[in-house]
Protein backbone atom coordinates (compact mmCIF):
# COMPACT_ATOMS: atom_id res chain seq x y z
CA MET A 1 17.62 -25.31 -32.11
CA LYS A 2 20.87 -24.38 -30.41
CA GLN A 3 22.59 -26.38 -28.02
CA SER A 4 23.18 -24.92 -24.44
CA ASN A 5 25.20 -25.98 -21.50
CA ARG A 6 22.82 -24.59 -18.95
CA LEU A 7 19.54 -25.92 -17.91
CA GLU A 8 16.41 -24.46 -19.76
CA LEU A 9 13.19 -25.18 -21.20
CA THR A 10 13.34 -25.52 -25.16
CA TRP A 11 10.52 -25.61 -27.53
CA ILE A 12 10.39 -25.40 -31.30
CA GLY A 13 11.00 -21.89 -32.43
CA LYS A 14 12.36 -20.74 -29.35
CA ASP A 15 15.37 -19.15 -30.97
CA ASN A 16 13.57 -17.56 -33.67
CA GLN A 17 14.14 -13.71 -33.51
CA PRO A 18 11.02 -11.93 -32.49
CA PRO A 19 9.70 -9.56 -35.17
CA GLN A 20 11.11 -6.40 -35.55
CA GLY A 21 10.54 -3.33 -37.45
CA ALA A 22 10.27 0.64 -37.19
CA HIS A 23 7.06 1.07 -35.14
CA PHE A 24 6.28 4.44 -33.68
CA LEU A 25 3.68 5.78 -31.39
CA VAL A 26 1.56 8.84 -32.75
CA GLU A 27 -0.94 10.46 -30.38
CA ASP A 28 -4.48 10.87 -31.65
CA HIS A 29 -5.98 13.72 -29.78
CA ASN A 30 -9.43 12.81 -30.69
CA PHE A 31 -9.25 9.92 -27.97
CA SER A 32 -6.83 11.55 -25.58
CA TYR A 33 -8.66 12.87 -22.45
CA ASN A 34 -7.88 14.88 -19.14
CA ASN A 35 -9.95 16.85 -16.82
CA THR A 36 -7.62 19.21 -14.77
CA ARG A 37 -10.65 20.60 -13.12
CA GLN A 38 -10.53 18.28 -10.42
CA GLY A 39 -7.21 19.58 -9.54
CA ALA A 40 -5.04 16.38 -9.98
CA ALA A 41 -1.34 16.25 -9.78
CA GLU A 42 0.24 17.27 -13.14
CA GLU A 43 1.85 13.78 -13.37
CA LEU A 44 -1.50 12.32 -13.66
CA THR A 45 -2.19 13.65 -17.06
CA ASP A 46 0.80 11.97 -18.87
CA ASN A 47 -0.47 8.43 -18.72
CA ARG A 48 -0.18 6.39 -21.71
CA LEU A 49 -2.82 4.24 -23.56
CA ILE A 50 -1.57 2.36 -26.77
CA TYR A 51 -3.90 0.81 -29.24
CA GLY A 52 -1.80 -1.82 -31.10
CA ASP A 53 0.25 -4.91 -31.00
CA ASN A 54 2.26 -4.97 -27.45
CA LEU A 55 5.51 -6.63 -28.71
CA PHE A 56 5.82 -3.69 -31.26
CA ALA A 57 4.40 -1.10 -28.52
CA LEU A 58 7.25 -2.33 -25.90
CA GLN A 59 9.94 -1.96 -28.44
CA ALA A 60 8.60 1.81 -29.44
CA LEU A 61 8.43 2.36 -25.60
CA GLU A 62 12.03 1.18 -24.88
CA PRO A 63 13.97 4.27 -25.94
CA GLU A 64 12.08 6.60 -23.66
CA PHE A 65 11.21 4.19 -20.82
CA ALA A 66 14.11 1.82 -20.40
CA GLY A 67 15.12 1.26 -16.86
CA LYS A 68 12.34 3.82 -15.60
CA ILE A 69 9.22 1.22 -15.03
CA LYS A 70 8.68 0.45 -11.22
CA CYS A 71 6.07 -2.07 -11.56
CA ILE A 72 4.92 -4.22 -14.60
CA THR A 73 1.71 -6.01 -13.88
CA ILE A 74 0.25 -8.26 -16.46
CA ASP A 75 -2.68 -10.69 -17.03
CA PRO A 76 -1.87 -12.44 -20.19
CA PRO A 77 -3.95 -15.17 -21.72
CA TYR A 78 -3.64 -18.41 -19.67
CA ASN A 79 -3.68 -20.63 -22.73
CA THR A 80 -6.27 -22.79 -21.49
CA GLY A 81 -7.92 -23.45 -24.73
CA SER A 82 -11.07 -21.32 -24.08
CA VAL A 83 -12.50 -18.72 -26.46
CA PHE A 84 -13.74 -15.51 -25.14
CA SER A 85 -15.65 -12.92 -27.00
CA HIS A 86 -12.87 -10.10 -26.45
CA TYR A 87 -10.01 -12.45 -27.07
CA GLY A 88 -8.64 -16.09 -27.78
CA ASP A 89 -7.05 -18.22 -25.14
CA SER A 90 -5.91 -20.99 -27.22
CA MET A 91 -2.22 -21.33 -28.63
CA GLU A 92 -0.03 -24.07 -29.64
CA HIS A 93 2.10 -24.44 -26.38
CA GLY A 94 5.36 -23.61 -27.94
CA GLN A 95 3.75 -20.42 -29.75
CA TRP A 96 2.42 -19.29 -26.08
CA LEU A 97 5.95 -19.65 -24.72
CA SER A 98 7.64 -17.59 -27.40
CA LEU A 99 4.79 -15.00 -26.93
CA MET A 100 5.72 -14.70 -23.41
CA ARG A 101 9.60 -14.94 -23.75
CA ASN A 102 9.69 -12.27 -26.29
CA ARG A 103 7.78 -9.68 -24.11
CA LEU A 104 9.56 -10.68 -20.88
CA LEU A 105 12.75 -9.81 -22.49
CA LEU A 106 11.40 -6.35 -23.01
CA PHE A 107 9.97 -6.16 -19.51
CA TYR A 108 13.36 -6.85 -18.13
CA ARG A 109 14.82 -3.86 -20.01
CA LEU A 110 12.10 -1.55 -19.11
CA LEU A 111 12.05 -2.30 -15.41
CA HIS A 112 14.20 0.10 -13.04
CA PRO A 113 17.31 -1.99 -12.49
CA GLN A 114 17.23 -1.65 -8.69
CA GLU A 115 13.66 -0.99 -7.69
CA GLY A 116 11.64 -2.70 -10.59
CA SER A 117 9.50 -5.67 -10.32
CA LEU A 118 7.30 -7.74 -12.50
CA TRP A 119 3.97 -9.31 -11.32
CA VAL A 120 2.34 -11.93 -13.69
CA SER A 121 -1.06 -13.46 -12.99
CA ILE A 122 -1.52 -17.12 -14.06
CA ASP A 123 -2.91 -20.54 -13.54
CA ASP A 124 -1.99 -23.95 -13.07
CA TYR A 125 -2.01 -24.66 -16.75
CA GLU A 126 1.06 -22.76 -17.82
CA ALA A 127 2.49 -21.67 -14.49
CA PRO A 128 5.21 -24.15 -14.28
CA TYR A 129 6.80 -23.58 -17.74
CA LEU A 130 6.38 -19.91 -17.14
CA ARG A 131 8.26 -20.09 -13.95
CA ILE A 132 11.25 -21.70 -16.03
CA VAL A 133 11.25 -19.08 -18.67
CA LEU A 134 11.22 -16.24 -16.00
CA ASP A 135 14.16 -18.11 -14.44
CA GLU A 136 16.05 -17.89 -17.51
CA ILE A 137 15.41 -14.33 -18.21
CA PHE A 138 15.36 -12.55 -14.71
CA GLY A 139 17.50 -15.37 -12.98
CA ARG A 140 16.46 -17.72 -10.62
CA GLU A 141 17.87 -15.80 -7.68
CA ASN A 142 15.48 -12.98 -8.40
CA PHE A 143 12.31 -14.96 -7.77
CA ILE A 144 10.55 -13.30 -4.95
CA ALA A 145 7.07 -15.30 -4.67
CA GLN A 146 4.33 -17.33 -6.15
CA ASN A 147 1.34 -15.78 -4.29
CA VAL A 148 -1.78 -17.78 -4.20
CA TRP A 149 -5.16 -15.63 -5.03
CA GLN A 150 -8.29 -17.38 -3.98
CA LYS A 151 -10.43 -16.40 -6.77
CA ARG A 152 -13.51 -18.18 -5.52
CA TYR A 153 -15.61 -18.00 -2.18
CA SER A 154 -17.63 -21.12 -3.26
CA ARG A 155 -16.71 -24.70 -4.04
CA GLU A 156 -16.17 -25.81 -7.79
CA ASN A 157 -17.52 -29.04 -8.25
CA ARG A 158 -17.46 -29.65 -11.90
CA GLN A 159 -13.67 -31.04 -11.88
CA ALA A 160 -11.89 -33.96 -10.07
CA ILE A 161 -10.34 -31.42 -7.63
CA GLY A 162 -11.91 -27.94 -7.60
CA ASP A 163 -10.09 -25.20 -8.83
CA VAL A 164 -10.34 -21.99 -6.65
CA HIS A 165 -7.15 -20.46 -6.83
CA GLU A 166 -4.70 -18.63 -9.44
CA TYR A 167 -1.13 -17.38 -8.95
CA VAL A 168 0.66 -13.83 -9.09
CA ILE A 169 4.23 -14.72 -9.68
CA VAL A 170 6.85 -11.98 -8.68
CA TYR A 171 10.19 -11.47 -9.82
CA ALA A 172 12.62 -8.33 -9.08
CA ARG A 173 15.43 -6.80 -10.70
CA ASP A 174 17.32 -6.57 -7.44
CA PRO A 175 15.85 -8.73 -4.61
CA VAL A 176 17.73 -7.19 -1.90
CA ARG A 177 16.60 -3.68 -2.88
CA PHE A 178 13.07 -4.74 -3.34
CA LYS A 179 12.75 -6.35 0.19
CA ALA A 180 14.20 -2.95 1.57
CA ILE A 181 11.61 -0.62 -0.41
CA ARG A 182 8.58 -2.63 -0.80
CA ASN A 183 5.45 -1.57 1.03
CA LYS A 184 3.78 -3.51 3.61
CA VAL A 185 0.10 -4.27 3.05
CA PHE A 186 -2.70 -2.49 5.15
CA PRO A 187 -4.53 -4.32 7.95
CA SER A 188 -7.91 -5.94 6.61
CA SER A 189 -11.16 -5.27 8.48
CA ALA A 190 -10.97 -8.68 10.23
CA GLN A 191 -7.44 -7.96 11.56
CA GLU A 192 -8.59 -4.39 12.85
CA LYS A 193 -11.38 -6.05 14.70
CA VAL A 194 -9.07 -7.51 17.27
CA TYR A 195 -8.11 -3.99 18.21
CA ARG A 196 -10.63 -2.84 20.76
CA ASN A 197 -10.85 0.03 23.54
CA PRO A 198 -12.79 -1.51 26.27
CA ASN A 199 -11.37 1.00 28.84
CA ASN A 200 -11.83 4.26 26.57
CA ASP A 201 -8.30 4.74 26.04
CA PRO A 202 -7.73 8.35 24.51
CA ARG A 203 -5.08 6.75 22.48
CA GLY A 204 -7.66 4.77 20.54
CA ARG A 205 -8.42 1.00 19.94
CA TRP A 206 -5.56 -1.52 21.20
CA ARG A 207 -4.53 -5.05 21.43
CA THR A 208 -2.21 -7.05 23.74
CA ILE A 209 0.87 -8.78 22.34
CA PRO A 210 2.96 -11.21 24.16
CA LEU A 211 5.84 -10.24 26.21
CA THR A 212 7.96 -13.27 26.27
CA ALA A 213 10.47 -14.61 23.64
CA GLN A 214 12.54 -17.64 22.99
CA GLU A 215 15.65 -17.64 25.17
CA GLY A 216 18.24 -18.50 22.54
CA HIS A 217 19.89 -15.14 22.19
CA ALA A 218 18.67 -13.60 25.18
CA THR A 219 20.87 -11.24 27.58
CA ALA A 220 20.93 -11.16 31.33
CA GLU A 221 18.71 -7.99 31.29
CA GLN A 222 15.85 -10.04 29.79
CA PHE A 223 15.45 -12.30 33.01
CA TYR A 224 13.89 -10.32 35.89
CA PRO A 225 10.74 -10.73 38.17
CA VAL A 226 7.42 -8.79 37.17
CA THR A 227 5.12 -7.90 40.07
CA THR A 228 1.54 -7.34 38.99
CA PRO A 229 -0.78 -4.79 40.54
CA ALA A 230 -2.36 -7.52 42.52
CA GLY A 231 0.95 -8.45 44.05
CA LYS A 232 1.41 -11.57 41.99
CA VAL A 233 4.99 -12.35 40.71
CA PHE A 234 6.02 -13.60 37.22
CA TYR A 235 8.97 -14.94 35.77
CA PRO A 236 9.49 -16.04 32.09
CA PRO A 237 8.36 -19.51 31.56
CA LYS A 238 10.98 -22.12 31.15
CA GLY A 239 13.00 -21.96 27.76
CA ARG A 240 11.89 -18.28 27.26
CA CYS A 241 12.81 -14.69 28.42
CA TRP A 242 11.10 -11.41 28.55
CA GLY A 243 11.16 -9.93 24.90
CA ILE A 244 12.40 -6.48 26.23
CA SER A 245 14.88 -5.30 28.89
CA LYS A 246 13.95 -4.41 32.40
CA ALA A 247 14.53 -0.60 31.68
CA THR A 248 12.14 -0.99 28.62
CA PHE A 249 9.55 -2.55 30.76
CA GLU A 250 9.61 -0.12 33.44
CA LYS A 251 9.35 2.67 30.82
CA LEU A 252 6.28 0.93 29.07
CA LEU A 253 4.86 0.50 32.41
CA ALA A 254 4.98 4.29 33.26
CA GLU A 255 3.40 5.00 29.98
CA GLY A 256 0.48 2.69 30.78
CA ARG A 257 1.56 0.00 27.83
CA ILE A 258 1.69 -3.09 30.19
CA TYR A 259 -1.46 -4.79 30.55
CA PHE A 260 -2.28 -7.34 33.52
CA GLY A 261 -5.60 -8.42 32.79
CA LYS A 262 -8.85 -7.12 34.09
CA LYS A 263 -8.14 -8.14 37.73
CA GLY A 264 -4.43 -6.90 37.63
CA ASP A 265 -3.14 -10.30 38.30
CA ALA A 266 -2.33 -11.86 34.72
CA GLN A 267 1.15 -12.63 33.13
CA PRO A 268 1.98 -9.08 31.65
CA THR A 269 1.56 -8.26 27.98
CA MET A 270 2.31 -5.29 26.01
CA ILE A 271 -0.40 -2.86 24.54
CA ARG A 272 -0.23 -2.00 21.01
CA TYR A 273 -2.58 0.67 19.37
CA LEU A 274 -4.08 0.41 16.11
CA SER A 275 -2.62 3.81 15.05
CA GLU A 276 0.80 2.51 15.43
CA VAL A 277 0.41 -0.29 13.00
CA ASP A 278 1.98 0.70 9.70
CA GLY A 279 1.03 -2.50 7.91
CA TYR A 280 2.01 -6.15 7.62
CA VAL A 281 4.65 -7.65 5.71
CA PRO A 282 3.21 -9.39 2.70
CA TRP A 283 2.83 -13.00 2.55
CA THR A 284 1.65 -15.43 -0.17
CA TRP A 285 -1.86 -16.36 0.60
CA TRP A 286 -4.30 -13.77 -0.66
CA PRO A 287 -7.66 -14.76 0.33
CA HIS A 288 -10.75 -13.41 -1.35
CA GLU A 289 -11.76 -11.40 1.78
CA GLU A 290 -8.80 -9.37 1.31
CA VAL A 291 -8.34 -9.00 -2.45
CA GLY A 292 -11.50 -9.88 -4.06
CA HIS A 293 -12.79 -12.80 -6.13
CA THR A 294 -14.01 -13.21 -9.75
CA ASP A 295 -17.80 -12.60 -8.89
CA GLU A 296 -16.67 -9.27 -7.43
CA ALA A 297 -14.75 -8.27 -10.46
CA LYS A 298 -17.68 -9.26 -12.79
CA LYS A 299 -19.86 -7.02 -10.65
CA GLU A 300 -17.52 -4.09 -11.05
CA ILE A 301 -17.56 -4.44 -14.79
CA HIS A 302 -21.41 -4.96 -14.94
CA ALA A 303 -21.74 -1.65 -12.83
CA LEU A 304 -19.49 0.28 -15.34
CA PHE A 305 -20.87 -1.17 -18.50
CA GLY A 306 -23.88 -3.46 -17.85
CA LYS A 307 -24.01 -7.07 -18.51
CA THR A 308 -24.38 -7.22 -22.35
CA ASP A 309 -21.07 -8.08 -24.03
CA ALA A 310 -19.25 -7.76 -20.63
CA PHE A 311 -15.82 -8.57 -20.41
CA ALA A 312 -15.42 -12.30 -19.50
CA THR A 313 -12.19 -12.45 -17.24
CA PRO A 314 -11.71 -9.14 -15.36
CA LYS A 315 -9.53 -9.25 -12.23
CA PRO A 316 -11.01 -7.32 -9.04
CA GLU A 317 -9.74 -3.79 -8.32
CA ARG A 318 -8.68 -4.94 -4.76
CA LEU A 319 -6.23 -7.69 -6.26
CA LEU A 320 -4.63 -4.74 -8.45
CA ARG A 321 -4.52 -2.52 -5.26
CA ARG A 322 -2.67 -5.16 -3.27
CA ILE A 323 -0.15 -5.56 -6.25
CA LEU A 324 0.40 -1.69 -6.70
CA GLN A 325 0.60 -1.10 -2.91
CA ILE A 326 3.48 -3.43 -2.27
CA ALA A 327 5.33 -2.51 -5.50
CA SER A 328 4.83 1.10 -6.10
CA ASN A 329 4.26 4.59 -4.76
CA PRO A 330 2.42 7.69 -5.80
CA GLY A 331 4.05 9.10 -8.94
CA ASP A 332 5.94 5.78 -9.94
CA TRP A 333 5.28 4.11 -13.62
CA VAL A 334 3.25 1.23 -13.92
CA LEU A 335 2.83 -0.87 -17.10
CA ASP A 336 0.32 -3.54 -18.30
CA SER A 337 0.74 -4.50 -21.83
CA PHE A 338 -2.16 -6.93 -21.67
CA ALA A 339 -4.76 -4.27 -20.59
CA GLY A 340 -8.08 -6.17 -21.07
CA SER A 341 -10.65 -4.11 -19.50
CA GLY A 342 -8.37 -1.64 -18.26
CA THR A 343 -8.45 -2.60 -14.35
CA SER A 344 -5.01 -2.10 -14.06
CA GLY A 345 -4.89 1.60 -15.31
CA ALA A 346 -8.15 2.28 -13.50
CA VAL A 347 -6.51 1.42 -9.99
CA ALA A 348 -3.14 2.84 -10.72
CA HIS A 349 -5.00 6.25 -11.46
CA LYS A 350 -6.99 6.01 -8.38
CA MET A 351 -3.98 5.22 -6.39
CA ARG A 352 -2.08 8.22 -8.11
CA ARG A 353 0.43 6.11 -9.92
CA ARG A 354 1.51 7.07 -13.74
CA TRP A 355 0.64 4.33 -15.94
CA ILE A 356 0.95 2.85 -19.41
CA MET A 357 -1.43 0.44 -20.78
CA VAL A 358 -1.28 -1.32 -24.15
CA GLU A 359 -4.30 -3.30 -25.87
CA ARG A 360 -4.69 -4.57 -29.26
CA GLY A 361 -8.42 -5.54 -28.96
CA GLU A 362 -11.25 -3.33 -29.58
CA GLN A 363 -11.92 -3.36 -26.08
CA CYS A 364 -9.59 -0.60 -25.85
CA HIS A 365 -12.22 1.72 -27.21
CA THR A 366 -15.35 -0.14 -25.86
CA HIS A 367 -14.34 -0.61 -22.34
CA ILE A 368 -10.96 0.97 -21.38
CA ILE A 369 -11.56 4.44 -22.61
CA PRO A 370 -15.01 4.78 -21.19
CA ARG A 371 -13.88 3.25 -17.96
CA LEU A 372 -10.99 5.66 -17.69
CA LYS A 373 -13.20 8.64 -18.52
CA LYS A 374 -15.27 7.84 -15.64
CA VAL A 375 -12.29 7.49 -13.23
CA ILE A 376 -11.19 10.89 -14.23
CA ASP A 377 -14.62 12.59 -14.05
CA GLY A 378 -15.03 11.08 -10.53
CA ASP A 379 -17.97 9.12 -12.01
CA ASP A 380 -16.80 5.62 -10.98
CA PRO A 381 -17.68 4.95 -7.33
CA GLY A 382 -17.24 1.24 -7.40
CA GLY A 383 -13.89 -0.81 -7.01
CA ILE A 384 -11.51 0.99 -4.64
CA THR A 385 -12.57 4.35 -5.23
CA ALA A 386 -13.80 4.83 -1.62
CA ALA A 387 -10.95 3.06 0.15
CA VAL A 388 -8.24 5.40 -1.42
CA GLN A 389 -10.77 8.36 -1.23
CA TRP A 390 -10.46 9.05 -5.08
CA SER A 391 -12.53 11.76 -6.27
CA GLY A 392 -11.43 12.29 -10.00
CA GLY A 393 -8.77 14.29 -11.88
CA GLY A 394 -5.99 13.62 -14.28
CA GLY A 395 -6.03 12.38 -17.93
CA PHE A 396 -4.43 10.32 -20.43
CA ARG A 397 -2.84 10.30 -23.85
CA TYR A 398 -4.09 8.08 -26.55
CA PHE A 399 -1.40 6.61 -28.95
CA ARG A 400 -1.74 4.33 -32.04
CA LEU A 401 1.11 2.15 -33.09
CA LEU A 402 2.10 2.83 -36.68
CA GLN A 403 4.63 1.04 -39.02
CA GLY A 404 7.48 3.01 -40.52
CA PRO A 405 8.44 3.04 -44.17
CA GLY A 406 9.76 -0.41 -45.32
CA THR A 407 8.33 -2.56 -42.34
């Protein structure tokens, strides 16, 4: 093993070169599918579904897609020692680290150099080690967040401390640029409930927000008396100031945007309408009420394929929607090289993103293709379909990964 002067995680086999070879992608038109009758945009027909080993597939994709992928979202094996019907999840620790490192190096080159971001689902078993490998490849300064997904809504009593969460780790190629372009998240139904319309305001539902702020950087224009309709006079509380200048206050007052309580004698607050809320800055706590849970994901799979030989570890569509909502926009390229049951591609398609999925297991044919056909034909009413108003359209190209001569 090579010696290094930097802090890094080492393991036997780390410095071994990943397998190389002349692999190329060949479209099999027998499995490619599109339905332009639905009137989807042309870019939704060039999606790629690749059947084969994802390391060689990523190598084959690099000449065309280096620097072009906006969002990579993966749900790799967690290496928990379990065995599932559609894939194994038990590898020697160093082998798992090498598997991930070899693919992370390719992800780095495939991502857009300013706007690309990587989102990795993982649990506690390998998360600490994965973070170190990600720091080494992407740079510690490019770490964005380790989001906590509440995957259960009921207690887990089989362990000493119940396991109710997983992580979605995020790195960006350029954190400053990512912060500038990332999208906000939509208000949840619970967040929207605080907006009401008790006075039948024609501008719609509203709520009040405080008008005061800490006085640390206040100007003289933020200290003034406010007289309520009932004649009561208010000044900012000690240590605080009004959050807006007197001129702005008077403008809002004239527009009916200042609220003094039902009797007109309360401390003033500002009215904010639901229609003005363009979303919230994402934070690291992702409760199941907002992004779904494992039971929801299994019900989505059962609705599509039945309970026989069901995929064991799917993710809910709402979880993938949250990721793609923050990290991408319609028309952007999204990549998932551990496609599993095809949730990422299904969600990306419904959200009008262009997608690439890679899967080496037979579920590529038993689960992913039938699922995508339903999405394209408008025959998948579940998941996020209603929320994003998806009605069908588009298509995908199916590729097999073949070896070149001499490999």
